[in-house]
Amino acid sequence: MTETIQPKLVVIITESVIETTLLTDLENLGVKGFTITDVRGRGHRGNRAGDWGIDGNIRVEIVCSEKLSRQILAFLEQKYYDNYAMITYCSNVSVIRPEKFLG
């Protein structure tokens, strides 16, 4: 069996209107890769559409080291939380081929 490691999965759900700026910020923090999907849901700010229009939401998933996950979460709290609908969470994951995520 291939050896696994215990990196973090950082998930960011936010307004699609900030996608370009957010991705630039994440890359500047050292994020090497991510997955983006369009999402919809309901929260304290009401219903959000699931299309890619200006009122849609995106979900950004990042597998990274624990150190980088802490940097990402602190940065998002400082720059985005007060002005945008955004939730984040972080969990432990097991990955195969760790060089794809932490190399």
Protein backbone atom coordinates (compact mmCIF):
# COMPACT_ATOMS: atom_id res chain seq x y z
CA MET A 1 0.00 0.00 0.00
CA THR A 2 1.19 3.51 -0.79
CA GLU A 3 2.25 5.62 2.19
CA THR A 4 -0.15 8.40 3.19
CA ILE A 5 0.39 11.63 5.12
CA GLN A 6 -1.94 13.82 7.19
CA PRO A 7 -2.26 17.20 5.48
CA LYS A 8 -5.16 19.60 5.93
CA LEU A 9 -8.14 20.24 3.69
CA VAL A 10 -9.11 23.91 3.74
CA VAL A 11 -12.58 24.64 2.36
CA ILE A 12 -13.70 28.16 1.54
CA ILE A 13 -17.29 28.91 0.55
CA THR A 14 -17.80 32.46 -0.60
CA GLU A 15 -19.23 34.85 -3.17
CA SER A 16 -18.19 34.12 -6.76
CA VAL A 17 -17.66 37.83 -7.40
CA ILE A 18 -14.35 37.72 -5.49
CA GLU A 19 -12.99 34.59 -7.19
CA THR A 20 -10.18 36.26 -9.16
CA THR A 21 -8.94 38.33 -6.22
CA LEU A 22 -9.22 35.41 -3.81
CA LEU A 23 -7.25 33.06 -6.06
CA THR A 24 -4.51 35.65 -6.54
CA ASP A 25 -4.29 36.08 -2.76
CA LEU A 26 -4.15 32.31 -2.21
CA GLU A 27 -1.39 31.89 -4.78
CA ASN A 28 0.56 34.74 -3.12
CA LEU A 29 0.28 32.84 0.18
CA GLY A 30 1.88 29.79 -1.45
CA VAL A 31 -1.10 27.68 -2.50
CA LYS A 32 0.02 25.48 -5.40
CA GLY A 33 -3.32 24.00 -6.41
CA PHE A 34 -7.03 24.07 -5.66
CA THR A 35 -10.40 22.84 -6.86
CA ILE A 36 -13.30 25.23 -7.44
CA THR A 37 -16.97 24.31 -7.77
CA ASP A 38 -20.11 26.40 -7.98
CA VAL A 39 -22.41 25.84 -5.01
CA ARG A 40 -25.68 26.98 -3.55
CA GLY A 41 -27.07 26.97 -0.04
CA ARG A 42 -28.72 28.81 2.78
CA GLY A 43 -27.12 30.55 5.72
CA HIS A 44 -27.55 33.56 7.95
CA ARG A 45 -27.43 35.80 4.87
CA GLY A 46 -30.31 33.91 3.20
CA ASN A 47 -30.47 31.76 0.07
CA ARG A 48 -27.64 31.88 -2.44
CA ALA A 49 -28.01 30.89 -6.08
CA GLY A 50 -25.94 28.08 -7.55
CA ASP A 51 -25.11 29.64 -10.89
CA TRP A 52 -21.85 31.35 -11.81
CA GLY A 53 -23.48 34.77 -11.97
CA ILE A 54 -22.66 37.69 -9.78
CA ASP A 55 -24.88 36.38 -6.98
CA GLY A 56 -23.49 32.83 -7.01
CA ASN A 57 -21.19 31.09 -4.57
CA ILE A 58 -18.02 29.11 -5.06
CA ARG A 59 -16.36 26.41 -3.00
CA VAL A 60 -12.56 26.37 -3.04
CA GLU A 61 -10.83 23.24 -1.74
CA ILE A 62 -7.11 23.25 -0.92
CA VAL A 63 -5.00 20.35 0.34
CA CYS A 64 -1.93 21.74 2.08
CA SER A 65 0.35 21.56 5.10
CA GLU A 66 -0.90 22.46 8.56
CA LYS A 67 1.31 25.55 8.58
CA LEU A 68 -0.12 26.85 5.29
CA SER A 69 -3.67 26.08 6.41
CA ARG A 70 -3.18 28.31 9.47
CA GLN A 71 -1.79 31.10 7.27
CA ILE A 72 -4.73 30.83 4.87
CA LEU A 73 -7.35 30.93 7.61
CA ALA A 74 -5.74 33.90 9.38
CA PHE A 75 -5.44 35.84 6.12
CA LEU A 76 -9.05 35.19 5.11
CA GLU A 77 -10.31 36.30 8.50
CA GLN A 78 -8.32 39.52 8.28
CA LYS A 79 -9.10 40.46 4.67
CA TYR A 80 -12.50 39.01 3.80
CA TYR A 81 -14.73 38.09 6.74
CA ASP A 82 -16.02 41.59 7.50
CA ASN A 83 -17.06 42.40 3.94
CA TYR A 84 -18.08 39.16 2.21
CA ALA A 85 -20.26 36.16 2.84
CA MET A 86 -17.59 33.56 3.59
CA ILE A 87 -17.27 30.45 5.66
CA THR A 88 -14.16 28.34 6.03
CA TYR A 89 -13.33 25.08 7.65
CA CYS A 90 -10.30 22.88 7.94
CA SER A 91 -10.01 19.14 8.51
CA ASN A 92 -7.45 16.37 8.48
CA VAL A 93 -7.33 14.27 5.33
CA SER A 94 -5.29 11.33 4.11
CA VAL A 95 -3.82 11.56 0.65
CA ILE A 96 -2.04 9.21 -1.69
CA ARG A 97 0.77 10.74 -3.75
CA PRO A 98 1.61 13.48 -1.22
CA GLU A 99 4.08 15.06 -3.63
CA LYS A 100 1.05 16.31 -5.59
CA PHE A 101 -0.04 18.41 -2.61
CA LEU A 102 2.97 19.24 -0.48
CA GLY A 103 5.86 19.12 -2.93
